[in-house]
């Protein structure tokens, strides 16, 4: 069944479009008029946090915050990206080609030549197949061990799971968690916090759709 393309919020409707007619999120780096969706604009993370801008549309976000994350971020409750408006986050989870299509893979070609900078924390280089919109009132930035900035996403006020542009099933979410867990467990064991990971996993599983 084909899922209809969602109608973008008015703020996203005002963003520039790429050659395929897709909105270019505010955080995307643009070089000579061409967007590279893999690359964050210069100072994007700092500006979005300091000025309270939505990560996706770039307009003032207000007090409510929503993160677009993968299922593993629901385990450690950490995001490498600042929050967005709730409706912008939902649209991204449904419409982003990478998030809505589990078969898409990350393209690495050309990133080294651009002076690639790895994100802080543990980056799981895969398409999780499931996107989670995590609403929170208690999120906060913190300094990562490697010196970068990360965001603790706090306790959720609501969680919305998506796959293929529609609501994700319980089996889809659990399969994604199972696939990503070995990488997270390896990092936790290396840091000596394996038992803590077990507690975090149990807490995250309570949020999986029934």
N, C-alpha and C. Protein backbone atom coordinates (compact mmCIF):
# COMPACT_ATOMS: atom_id res chain seq x y z
N UNK A 1 0.85 -1.19 0.00
CA UNK A 1 0.00 0.00 0.00
C UNK A 1 0.88 1.24 0.00
N UNK A 2 0.59 2.17 -0.89
CA UNK A 2 1.34 3.41 -0.97
C UNK A 2 0.81 4.41 0.06
N UNK A 3 1.71 4.97 0.84
CA UNK A 3 1.31 5.95 1.84
C UNK A 3 1.32 7.33 1.20
N UNK A 4 0.22 8.09 1.27
CA UNK A 4 0.19 9.43 0.67
C UNK A 4 1.26 10.32 1.28
N UNK A 5 1.87 11.16 0.45
CA UNK A 5 2.87 12.10 0.96
C UNK A 5 2.18 13.09 1.90
N UNK A 6 2.73 13.31 3.09
CA UNK A 6 2.08 14.21 4.04
C UNK A 6 2.11 15.67 3.59
N UNK A 7 1.13 16.41 4.04
CA UNK A 7 1.10 17.85 3.75
C UNK A 7 2.05 18.55 4.72
N UNK A 8 2.99 19.34 4.22
CA UNK A 8 3.96 19.97 5.13
C UNK A 8 3.31 21.09 5.95
N UNK A 9 3.77 21.29 7.18
CA UNK A 9 3.34 22.46 7.94
C UNK A 9 3.67 23.73 7.18
N UNK A 10 2.95 24.80 7.46
CA UNK A 10 3.14 26.05 6.71
C UNK A 10 4.57 26.55 6.79
N UNK A 11 5.22 26.36 7.94
CA UNK A 11 6.61 26.84 8.08
C UNK A 11 7.54 26.08 7.15
N UNK A 12 7.33 24.77 6.99
CA UNK A 12 8.14 23.99 6.08
C UNK A 12 7.81 24.34 4.63
N UNK A 13 6.56 24.69 4.39
CA UNK A 13 6.16 25.08 3.05
C UNK A 13 6.86 26.33 2.56
N UNK A 14 7.47 27.09 3.46
CA UNK A 14 8.19 28.31 3.08
C UNK A 14 9.68 28.07 2.85
N UNK A 15 10.14 26.85 3.08
CA UNK A 15 11.55 26.53 2.85
C UNK A 15 11.83 26.42 1.35
N UNK A 16 13.09 26.65 0.93
CA UNK A 16 13.44 26.43 -0.48
C UNK A 16 13.31 24.96 -0.84
N UNK A 17 13.18 24.68 -2.13
CA UNK A 17 13.01 23.32 -2.61
C UNK A 17 14.26 22.84 -3.35
N UNK A 18 14.51 21.54 -3.31
CA UNK A 18 15.61 20.99 -4.10
C UNK A 18 15.12 20.69 -5.51
N UNK A 19 15.97 20.09 -6.32
CA UNK A 19 15.62 19.86 -7.73
C UNK A 19 14.48 18.86 -7.88
N UNK A 20 14.19 18.10 -6.82
CA UNK A 20 13.09 17.14 -6.86
C UNK A 20 11.80 17.72 -6.28
N UNK A 21 11.86 18.98 -5.89
CA UNK A 21 10.68 19.63 -5.32
C UNK A 21 10.47 19.35 -3.85
N UNK A 22 11.51 18.84 -3.17
CA UNK A 22 11.40 18.54 -1.74
C UNK A 22 11.91 19.72 -0.92
N UNK A 23 11.26 20.03 0.20
CA UNK A 23 11.75 21.12 1.06
C UNK A 23 13.15 20.81 1.58
N UNK A 24 13.99 21.83 1.62
CA UNK A 24 15.34 21.69 2.15
C UNK A 24 15.32 22.12 3.61
N UNK A 25 15.49 21.20 4.56
CA UNK A 25 15.47 21.57 5.97
C UNK A 25 16.48 22.66 6.28
N UNK A 26 16.17 23.46 7.28
CA UNK A 26 17.03 24.58 7.65
C UNK A 26 18.45 24.14 7.97
N UNK A 27 18.62 22.97 8.59
CA UNK A 27 19.94 22.56 9.05
C UNK A 27 20.86 22.11 7.92
N UNK A 28 20.36 21.94 6.72
CA UNK A 28 21.14 21.36 5.62
C UNK A 28 22.15 22.37 5.07
N UNK A 29 23.37 21.88 4.84
CA UNK A 29 24.42 22.69 4.21
C UNK A 29 24.11 22.87 2.73
N UNK A 30 24.25 24.10 2.23
CA UNK A 30 24.02 24.40 0.82
C UNK A 30 25.29 24.99 0.24
N UNK A 31 25.79 24.39 -0.82
CA UNK A 31 27.02 24.83 -1.47
C UNK A 31 26.70 25.20 -2.92
N UNK A 32 26.95 26.46 -3.28
CA UNK A 32 26.69 26.95 -4.64
C UNK A 32 25.25 26.65 -5.07
N UNK A 33 24.33 26.81 -4.14
CA UNK A 33 22.92 26.61 -4.43
C UNK A 33 22.46 25.17 -4.41
N UNK A 34 23.38 24.23 -4.14
CA UNK A 34 23.03 22.80 -4.15
C UNK A 34 23.07 22.27 -2.71
N UNK A 35 21.97 21.73 -2.21
CA UNK A 35 21.96 21.21 -0.83
C UNK A 35 22.63 19.86 -0.74
N UNK A 36 23.32 19.62 0.37
CA UNK A 36 23.85 18.29 0.68
C UNK A 36 23.18 17.86 1.98
N UNK A 37 22.18 17.00 1.87
CA UNK A 37 21.37 16.62 3.01
C UNK A 37 22.15 15.82 4.07
N UNK A 38 23.36 15.40 3.72
CA UNK A 38 24.18 14.64 4.67
C UNK A 38 24.97 15.55 5.60
N UNK A 39 25.03 16.85 5.26
CA UNK A 39 25.94 17.76 5.95
C UNK A 39 25.15 18.85 6.66
N UNK A 40 25.53 19.14 7.90
CA UNK A 40 24.88 20.19 8.70
C UNK A 40 25.51 21.54 8.37
N UNK A 41 24.70 22.56 8.25
CA UNK A 41 25.19 23.90 7.97
C UNK A 41 26.16 24.35 9.06
N UNK A 42 27.06 25.24 8.70
CA UNK A 42 28.05 25.72 9.65
C UNK A 42 27.36 26.39 10.85
N UNK A 43 27.77 26.01 12.04
CA UNK A 43 27.23 26.54 13.30
C UNK A 43 25.74 26.24 13.47
N UNK A 44 25.23 25.28 12.73
CA UNK A 44 23.80 25.00 12.79
C UNK A 44 23.34 24.55 14.17
N UNK A 45 24.08 23.64 14.79
CA UNK A 45 23.68 23.12 16.10
C UNK A 45 23.73 24.22 17.15
N UNK A 46 24.80 25.01 17.15
CA UNK A 46 24.94 26.09 18.13
C UNK A 46 23.85 27.13 17.94
N UNK A 47 23.61 27.54 16.72
CA UNK A 47 22.61 28.58 16.46
C UNK A 47 21.21 28.10 16.83
N UNK A 48 20.87 26.86 16.46
CA UNK A 48 19.54 26.34 16.75
C UNK A 48 19.29 26.33 18.25
N UNK A 49 20.30 25.94 19.03
CA UNK A 49 20.12 25.90 20.48
C UNK A 49 20.10 27.30 21.08
N UNK A 50 21.07 28.12 20.75
CA UNK A 50 21.19 29.43 21.38
C UNK A 50 20.00 30.34 21.07
N UNK A 51 19.50 30.27 19.85
CA UNK A 51 18.41 31.17 19.45
C UNK A 51 17.03 30.52 19.54
N UNK A 52 17.00 29.23 19.94
CA UNK A 52 15.71 28.56 20.08
C UNK A 52 15.00 28.33 18.77
N UNK A 53 15.77 28.02 17.73
CA UNK A 53 15.18 27.80 16.41
C UNK A 53 14.87 26.32 16.19
N UNK A 54 13.83 26.06 15.45
CA UNK A 54 13.47 24.70 15.06
C UNK A 54 14.56 24.15 14.16
N UNK A 55 15.01 22.96 14.45
CA UNK A 55 16.08 22.33 13.68
C UNK A 55 15.68 22.10 12.23
N UNK A 56 14.40 21.95 11.97
CA UNK A 56 13.94 21.60 10.62
C UNK A 56 13.52 22.82 9.81
N UNK A 57 12.74 23.72 10.41
CA UNK A 57 12.25 24.87 9.63
C UNK A 57 13.04 26.15 9.90
N UNK A 58 13.78 26.23 11.02
CA UNK A 58 14.62 27.38 11.30
C UNK A 58 13.90 28.58 11.85
N UNK A 59 12.64 28.44 12.26
CA UNK A 59 11.91 29.55 12.87
C UNK A 59 11.84 29.33 14.38
N UNK A 60 11.52 30.37 15.17
CA UNK A 60 11.47 30.20 16.63
C UNK A 60 10.59 29.03 17.03
N UNK A 61 11.12 28.20 17.92
CA UNK A 61 10.45 26.95 18.27
C UNK A 61 9.43 27.10 19.39
N UNK A 62 9.68 28.00 20.35
CA UNK A 62 8.80 28.08 21.50
C UNK A 62 9.23 27.07 22.56
N UNK A 63 8.42 26.90 23.59
CA UNK A 63 8.83 26.08 24.74
C UNK A 63 8.67 24.58 24.50
N UNK A 64 7.83 24.19 23.56
CA UNK A 64 7.63 22.77 23.30
C UNK A 64 8.71 22.26 22.34
N UNK A 65 9.19 21.06 22.58
CA UNK A 65 10.30 20.52 21.80
C UNK A 65 10.02 19.08 21.41
N UNK A 66 10.42 18.73 20.19
CA UNK A 66 10.28 17.36 19.70
C UNK A 66 11.55 16.97 18.95
N UNK A 67 12.08 15.80 19.26
CA UNK A 67 13.27 15.28 18.62
C UNK A 67 12.89 14.19 17.63
N UNK A 68 13.56 14.16 16.48
CA UNK A 68 13.42 13.05 15.54
C UNK A 68 14.63 12.16 15.73
N UNK A 69 14.42 10.97 16.27
CA UNK A 69 15.54 10.10 16.65
C UNK A 69 15.30 8.68 16.16
N UNK A 70 16.34 7.87 16.24
CA UNK A 70 16.20 6.44 15.99
C UNK A 70 15.85 5.71 17.27
N UNK A 71 15.40 4.49 17.18
CA UNK A 71 15.01 3.74 18.38
C UNK A 71 16.11 3.61 19.42
N UNK A 72 17.38 3.54 19.00
CA UNK A 72 18.44 3.39 19.98
C UNK A 72 18.59 4.63 20.84
N UNK A 73 18.22 5.79 20.32
CA UNK A 73 18.27 7.00 21.13
C UNK A 73 17.20 6.98 22.21
N UNK A 74 16.17 6.15 22.02
CA UNK A 74 15.17 5.99 23.07
C UNK A 74 15.74 5.17 24.23
N UNK A 75 16.82 4.43 23.96
CA UNK A 75 17.46 3.64 25.00
C UNK A 75 18.36 4.52 25.87
N UNK A 76 19.29 5.24 25.22
CA UNK A 76 20.21 6.08 26.01
C UNK A 76 19.70 7.51 26.23
N UNK A 77 18.59 7.85 25.56
CA UNK A 77 17.96 9.17 25.71
C UNK A 77 18.94 10.30 25.40
N UNK A 78 19.60 10.15 24.27
CA UNK A 78 20.56 11.15 23.81
C UNK A 78 20.33 11.39 22.32
N UNK A 79 20.40 12.66 21.92
CA UNK A 79 20.32 13.03 20.52
C UNK A 79 21.51 13.91 20.16
N UNK A 80 22.01 13.76 18.94
CA UNK A 80 23.10 14.61 18.46
C UNK A 80 22.56 15.89 17.85
N UNK A 81 21.23 16.00 17.71
CA UNK A 81 20.63 17.17 17.06
C UNK A 81 19.65 17.86 18.00
N UNK A 82 19.53 19.19 17.87
CA UNK A 82 18.57 19.94 18.68
C UNK A 82 17.13 19.61 18.29
N UNK A 83 16.17 20.07 19.10
CA UNK A 83 14.76 19.73 18.84
C UNK A 83 14.11 20.62 17.79
N UNK A 84 12.89 20.24 17.45
CA UNK A 84 12.10 20.93 16.43
C UNK A 84 10.68 21.18 16.95
N UNK A 85 9.88 21.90 16.14
CA UNK A 85 8.44 21.93 16.39
C UNK A 85 7.90 20.51 16.26
N UNK A 86 6.84 20.20 16.98
CA UNK A 86 6.26 18.87 16.89
C UNK A 86 5.77 18.56 15.48
N UNK A 87 5.05 19.49 14.84
CA UNK A 87 4.53 19.19 13.51
C UNK A 87 5.64 19.09 12.48
N UNK A 88 6.72 19.86 12.66
CA UNK A 88 7.87 19.73 11.75
C UNK A 88 8.55 18.37 11.93
N UNK A 89 8.66 17.93 13.18
CA UNK A 89 9.28 16.64 13.47
C UNK A 89 8.46 15.50 12.87
N UNK A 90 7.15 15.55 13.03
CA UNK A 90 6.28 14.52 12.47
C UNK A 90 6.40 14.48 10.96
N UNK A 91 6.41 15.65 10.34
CA UNK A 91 6.54 15.71 8.88
C UNK A 91 7.86 15.08 8.44
N UNK A 92 8.95 15.40 9.14
CA UNK A 92 10.26 14.84 8.78
C UNK A 92 10.26 13.32 8.89
N UNK A 93 9.66 12.80 9.97
CA UNK A 93 9.62 11.35 10.17
C UNK A 93 8.82 10.65 9.07
N UNK A 94 7.82 11.33 8.53
CA UNK A 94 6.98 10.74 7.51
C UNK A 94 7.49 10.96 6.10
N UNK A 95 8.18 12.10 5.87
CA UNK A 95 8.49 12.50 4.50
C UNK A 95 9.96 12.39 4.12
N UNK A 96 10.88 12.43 5.10
CA UNK A 96 12.30 12.35 4.77
C UNK A 96 12.59 11.04 4.04
N UNK A 97 13.18 11.09 2.85
CA UNK A 97 13.42 9.84 2.10
C UNK A 97 14.24 8.82 2.87
N UNK A 98 15.23 9.27 3.64
CA UNK A 98 16.07 8.33 4.39
C UNK A 98 15.29 7.70 5.54
N UNK A 99 14.49 8.51 6.25
CA UNK A 99 13.75 8.00 7.39
C UNK A 99 12.55 7.15 6.96
N UNK A 100 11.93 7.52 5.85
CA UNK A 100 10.71 6.83 5.43
C UNK A 100 10.99 5.58 4.60
N UNK A 101 12.23 5.41 4.13
CA UNK A 101 12.57 4.27 3.30
C UNK A 101 13.68 3.46 3.94
N UNK A 102 13.36 2.36 4.62
CA UNK A 102 14.39 1.57 5.33
C UNK A 102 15.48 1.03 4.41
N UNK A 103 15.22 0.97 3.10
CA UNK A 103 16.21 0.41 2.18
C UNK A 103 17.28 1.42 1.77
N UNK A 104 17.08 2.69 2.09
CA UNK A 104 18.07 3.69 1.73
C UNK A 104 19.27 3.58 2.67
N UNK A 105 20.46 3.80 2.11
CA UNK A 105 21.70 3.76 2.89
C UNK A 105 22.38 5.11 2.82
N UNK A 106 23.27 5.36 3.79
CA UNK A 106 24.01 6.62 3.81
C UNK A 106 25.04 6.63 2.68
N UNK A 107 25.08 7.74 1.96
CA UNK A 107 26.09 7.91 0.91
C UNK A 107 27.31 8.61 1.52
N UNK A 108 28.46 7.98 1.41
CA UNK A 108 29.68 8.51 2.00
C UNK A 108 30.56 9.24 1.00
N UNK A 109 30.32 9.08 -0.30
CA UNK A 109 31.20 9.62 -1.32
C UNK A 109 31.30 11.15 -1.21
N UNK A 110 32.52 11.65 -1.20
CA UNK A 110 32.74 13.09 -1.19
C UNK A 110 32.81 13.71 0.18
N UNK A 111 32.43 12.99 1.23
CA UNK A 111 32.42 13.59 2.56
C UNK A 111 33.83 13.86 3.07
N UNK A 112 34.76 12.96 2.78
CA UNK A 112 36.14 13.17 3.23
C UNK A 112 36.72 14.40 2.57
N UNK A 113 36.46 14.57 1.27
CA UNK A 113 36.98 15.72 0.56
C UNK A 113 36.43 17.03 1.11
N UNK A 114 35.24 16.98 1.71
CA UNK A 114 34.62 18.19 2.26
C UNK A 114 35.16 18.52 3.64
N UNK A 115 36.04 17.68 4.18
CA UNK A 115 36.53 17.92 5.53
C UNK A 115 35.55 17.42 6.57
N UNK A 116 35.14 16.17 6.42
CA UNK A 116 34.12 15.58 7.28
C UNK A 116 34.53 15.63 8.75
N UNK A 117 33.58 16.00 9.61
CA UNK A 117 33.77 15.98 11.06
C UNK A 117 32.77 15.00 11.64
N UNK A 118 33.26 14.00 12.34
CA UNK A 118 32.37 13.00 12.93
C UNK A 118 31.55 13.61 14.05
N UNK A 119 30.28 13.22 14.16
CA UNK A 119 29.45 13.72 15.26
C UNK A 119 29.93 13.15 16.59
N UNK A 120 29.65 13.85 17.69
CA UNK A 120 30.06 13.32 19.00
C UNK A 120 29.22 12.11 19.39
N UNK A 121 29.71 11.39 20.42
CA UNK A 121 28.96 10.24 20.90
C UNK A 121 29.14 9.02 20.02
N UNK A 122 28.25 8.04 20.19
CA UNK A 122 28.29 6.79 19.43
C UNK A 122 27.34 6.90 18.26
N UNK A 123 27.88 6.93 17.05
CA UNK A 123 27.08 7.05 15.84
C UNK A 123 26.89 5.67 15.24
N UNK A 124 25.65 5.20 15.13
CA UNK A 124 25.36 3.91 14.51
C UNK A 124 25.08 4.16 13.04
N UNK A 125 26.02 3.78 12.18
CA UNK A 125 25.95 4.11 10.76
C UNK A 125 25.07 3.12 10.02
N UNK A 126 23.78 3.26 10.20
CA UNK A 126 22.83 2.40 9.51
C UNK A 126 21.52 3.16 9.37
N UNK A 127 20.67 2.66 8.52
CA UNK A 127 19.31 3.18 8.46
C UNK A 127 18.49 2.38 9.47
N UNK A 128 17.98 3.02 10.53
CA UNK A 128 17.29 2.24 11.56
C UNK A 128 15.97 1.65 11.09
N UNK A 129 15.42 2.17 9.97
CA UNK A 129 14.17 1.64 9.48
C UNK A 129 12.94 2.16 10.21
N UNK A 130 13.16 2.77 11.36
CA UNK A 130 12.07 3.32 12.18
C UNK A 130 12.52 4.68 12.70
N UNK A 131 11.62 5.65 12.67
CA UNK A 131 11.89 6.97 13.22
C UNK A 131 10.95 7.22 14.39
N UNK A 132 11.48 7.87 15.41
CA UNK A 132 10.71 8.15 16.62
C UNK A 132 10.67 9.65 16.86
N UNK A 133 9.47 10.18 16.99
CA UNK A 133 9.30 11.58 17.37
C UNK A 133 9.06 11.62 18.87
N UNK A 134 10.01 12.23 19.57
CA UNK A 134 10.06 12.22 21.03
C UNK A 134 9.77 13.62 21.55
N UNK A 135 8.62 13.82 22.15
CA UNK A 135 8.27 15.12 22.72
C UNK A 135 8.75 15.18 24.16
N UNK A 136 9.33 16.32 24.56
CA UNK A 136 9.90 16.42 25.91
C UNK A 136 9.90 17.87 26.38
N UNK A 137 9.73 18.02 27.69
CA UNK A 137 9.84 19.32 28.34
C UNK A 137 11.11 19.41 29.20
N UNK A 138 11.85 18.31 29.29
CA UNK A 138 12.96 18.26 30.24
C UNK A 138 14.30 18.00 29.55
N UNK A 139 14.42 18.32 28.29
CA UNK A 139 15.66 18.08 27.56
C UNK A 139 16.70 19.15 27.92
N UNK A 140 17.95 18.83 27.67
CA UNK A 140 19.04 19.78 27.98
C UNK A 140 20.31 19.37 27.25
N UNK A 141 21.15 20.33 26.85
CA UNK A 141 22.43 19.99 26.22
C UNK A 141 23.44 19.57 27.27
N UNK A 142 24.43 18.80 26.83
CA UNK A 142 25.55 18.46 27.70
C UNK A 142 26.78 18.22 26.84
N UNK A 143 27.94 18.25 27.47
CA UNK A 143 29.20 18.09 26.76
C UNK A 143 29.55 16.61 26.67
N UNK A 144 29.79 16.13 25.45
CA UNK A 144 30.16 14.74 25.23
C UNK A 144 31.59 14.50 25.68
N UNK A 145 31.94 13.25 26.00
CA UNK A 145 33.31 12.94 26.43
C UNK A 145 34.36 13.37 25.43
N UNK A 146 34.03 13.36 24.12
CA UNK A 146 35.00 13.75 23.12
C UNK A 146 35.00 15.25 22.84
N UNK A 147 34.23 16.01 23.63
CA UNK A 147 34.26 17.46 23.54
C UNK A 147 33.12 18.07 22.75
N UNK A 148 32.36 17.28 22.01
CA UNK A 148 31.24 17.82 21.25
C UNK A 148 30.02 18.05 22.12
N UNK A 149 28.98 18.55 21.51
CA UNK A 149 27.73 18.82 22.22
C UNK A 149 26.69 17.77 21.86
N UNK A 150 26.01 17.25 22.88
CA UNK A 150 24.90 16.33 22.70
C UNK A 150 23.71 16.86 23.48
N UNK A 151 22.56 16.23 23.28
CA UNK A 151 21.34 16.67 23.96
C UNK A 151 20.70 15.49 24.69
N UNK A 152 20.56 15.65 26.00
CA UNK A 152 19.77 14.70 26.76
C UNK A 152 18.30 15.01 26.49
N UNK A 153 17.56 14.04 26.00
CA UNK A 153 16.20 14.32 25.55
C UNK A 153 15.16 14.22 26.67
N UNK A 154 15.58 13.87 27.87
CA UNK A 154 14.68 13.90 29.01
C UNK A 154 13.59 12.85 28.95
N UNK A 155 12.63 12.98 29.85
CA UNK A 155 11.48 12.07 29.86
C UNK A 155 10.49 12.49 28.78
N UNK A 156 9.87 11.55 28.10
CA UNK A 156 8.93 11.91 27.04
C UNK A 156 7.55 12.29 27.58
N UNK A 157 6.96 13.30 26.97
CA UNK A 157 5.55 13.58 27.22
C UNK A 157 4.68 12.82 26.23
N UNK A 158 5.30 12.43 25.09
CA UNK A 158 4.61 11.61 24.09
C UNK A 158 5.66 11.02 23.16
N UNK A 159 5.38 9.83 22.62
CA UNK A 159 6.25 9.22 21.62
C UNK A 159 5.39 8.76 20.45
N UNK A 160 5.91 8.99 19.25
CA UNK A 160 5.22 8.61 18.02
C UNK A 160 6.22 7.88 17.13
N UNK A 161 5.91 6.64 16.77
CA UNK A 161 6.83 5.80 16.00
C UNK A 161 6.37 5.72 14.54
N UNK A 162 7.34 5.81 13.60
CA UNK A 162 7.00 5.80 12.18
C UNK A 162 7.92 4.86 11.41
N UNK A 163 7.38 4.24 10.37
CA UNK A 163 8.15 3.44 9.42
C UNK A 163 7.43 3.52 8.08
N UNK A 164 8.18 3.64 7.01
CA UNK A 164 7.60 3.74 5.67
C UNK A 164 6.60 4.90 5.56
N UNK A 165 6.80 5.95 6.36
CA UNK A 165 5.92 7.10 6.28
C UNK A 165 4.59 6.96 7.00
N UNK A 166 4.40 5.86 7.73
CA UNK A 166 3.15 5.67 8.48
C UNK A 166 3.51 5.14 9.87
N UNK A 167 2.49 4.95 10.70
CA UNK A 167 2.73 4.48 12.06
C UNK A 167 3.44 3.13 12.03
N UNK A 168 4.51 3.01 12.81
CA UNK A 168 5.28 1.77 12.85
C UNK A 168 4.56 0.72 13.69
N UNK A 169 4.78 -0.52 13.33
CA UNK A 169 4.23 -1.62 14.12
C UNK A 169 5.20 -1.98 15.25
N UNK A 170 4.71 -2.72 16.21
CA UNK A 170 5.56 -3.17 17.32
C UNK A 170 6.71 -4.04 16.80
N UNK A 171 6.42 -4.94 15.87
CA UNK A 171 7.46 -5.81 15.34
C UNK A 171 8.55 -5.01 14.64
N UNK A 172 8.18 -3.95 13.90
CA UNK A 172 9.17 -3.13 13.21
C UNK A 172 10.08 -2.42 14.20
N UNK A 173 9.49 -1.90 15.27
CA UNK A 173 10.29 -1.20 16.28
C UNK A 173 11.24 -2.17 16.98
N UNK A 174 10.73 -3.32 17.37
CA UNK A 174 11.57 -4.30 18.08
C UNK A 174 12.70 -4.81 17.18
N UNK A 175 12.42 -5.00 15.89
CA UNK A 175 13.46 -5.46 14.97
C UNK A 175 14.56 -4.42 14.85
N UNK A 176 14.19 -3.15 14.82
CA UNK A 176 15.18 -2.08 14.73
C UNK A 176 16.04 -2.02 15.99
N UNK A 177 15.40 -2.16 17.14
CA UNK A 177 16.15 -2.15 18.40
C UNK A 177 17.12 -3.33 18.46
N UNK A 178 16.66 -4.51 18.06
CA UNK A 178 17.51 -5.70 18.08
C UNK A 178 18.73 -5.52 17.17
N UNK A 179 18.53 -4.86 16.02
CA UNK A 179 19.62 -4.69 15.07
C UNK A 179 20.66 -3.69 15.56
N UNK A 180 20.23 -2.67 16.28
CA UNK A 180 21.16 -1.64 16.73
C UNK A 180 21.77 -1.90 18.09
N UNK A 181 21.19 -2.80 18.85
CA UNK A 181 21.63 -3.01 20.23
C UNK A 181 23.08 -3.50 20.36
N UNK A 182 23.58 -4.39 19.48
CA UNK A 182 24.97 -4.83 19.65
C UNK A 182 25.98 -3.69 19.64
N UNK A 183 25.79 -2.70 18.80
CA UNK A 183 26.72 -1.57 18.76
C UNK A 183 26.66 -0.77 20.05
N UNK A 184 25.45 -0.54 20.54
CA UNK A 184 25.30 0.21 21.78
C UNK A 184 25.86 -0.58 22.97
N UNK A 185 25.65 -1.89 22.96
CA UNK A 185 26.15 -2.72 24.06
C UNK A 185 27.68 -2.77 24.06
N UNK A 186 28.27 -2.82 22.88
CA UNK A 186 29.73 -2.82 22.79
C UNK A 186 30.30 -1.56 23.42
N UNK A 187 29.68 -0.40 23.12
CA UNK A 187 30.15 0.86 23.69
C UNK A 187 29.94 0.89 25.19
N UNK A 188 28.78 0.38 25.65
CA UNK A 188 28.49 0.37 27.08
C UNK A 188 29.46 -0.53 27.84
N UNK A 189 29.76 -1.68 27.28
CA UNK A 189 30.69 -2.60 27.94
C UNK A 189 32.09 -1.98 28.01
N UNK A 190 32.48 -1.27 26.96
CA UNK A 190 33.80 -0.63 26.95
C UNK A 190 33.90 0.44 28.03
N UNK A 191 32.77 1.06 28.34
CA UNK A 191 32.75 2.10 29.37
C UNK A 191 32.42 1.54 30.75
N UNK A 192 32.16 0.23 30.83
CA UNK A 192 31.84 -0.38 32.10
C UNK A 192 30.45 -0.07 32.62
N UNK A 193 29.51 0.20 31.71
CA UNK A 193 28.15 0.56 32.14
C UNK A 193 27.13 -0.40 31.51
N UNK A 194 27.52 -1.67 31.34
CA UNK A 194 26.62 -2.63 30.72
C UNK A 194 25.34 -2.83 31.51
N UNK A 195 25.43 -2.86 32.83
CA UNK A 195 24.23 -3.03 33.66
C UNK A 195 23.29 -1.85 33.51
N UNK A 196 23.85 -0.67 33.39
CA UNK A 196 23.02 0.52 33.19
C UNK A 196 22.28 0.44 31.87
N UNK A 197 22.93 -0.09 30.83
CA UNK A 197 22.28 -0.25 29.54
C UNK A 197 21.08 -1.16 29.64
N UNK A 198 21.19 -2.23 30.42
CA UNK A 198 20.06 -3.15 30.59
C UNK A 198 18.85 -2.42 31.19
N UNK A 199 19.10 -1.56 32.16
CA UNK A 199 18.01 -0.79 32.77
C UNK A 199 17.41 0.19 31.75
N UNK A 200 18.28 0.83 30.97
CA UNK A 200 17.80 1.80 29.96
C UNK A 200 16.99 1.10 28.88
N UNK A 201 17.42 -0.11 28.50
CA UNK A 201 16.68 -0.87 27.49
C UNK A 201 15.30 -1.25 28.00
N UNK A 202 15.21 -1.70 29.23
CA UNK A 202 13.91 -2.07 29.80
C UNK A 202 12.98 -0.85 29.82
N UNK A 203 13.53 0.30 30.15
CA UNK A 203 12.74 1.52 30.19
C UNK A 203 12.24 1.89 28.79
N UNK A 204 13.12 1.72 27.79
CA UNK A 204 12.74 2.06 26.42
C UNK A 204 11.66 1.10 25.87
N UNK A 205 11.76 -0.16 26.23
CA UNK A 205 10.80 -1.15 25.72
C UNK A 205 9.39 -0.86 26.20
N UNK A 206 9.26 -0.15 27.31
CA UNK A 206 7.93 0.22 27.80
C UNK A 206 7.25 1.22 26.86
N UNK A 207 8.03 1.88 26.00
CA UNK A 207 7.49 2.89 25.09
C UNK A 207 7.15 2.34 23.73
N UNK A 208 7.51 1.07 23.48
CA UNK A 208 7.25 0.46 22.18
C UNK A 208 5.74 0.30 21.99
N UNK A 209 5.22 0.61 20.80
CA UNK A 209 3.77 0.47 20.58
C UNK A 209 3.29 -0.97 20.80
N UNK A 210 2.11 -1.09 21.33
CA UNK A 210 1.58 -2.42 21.68
C UNK A 210 1.00 -3.09 20.46
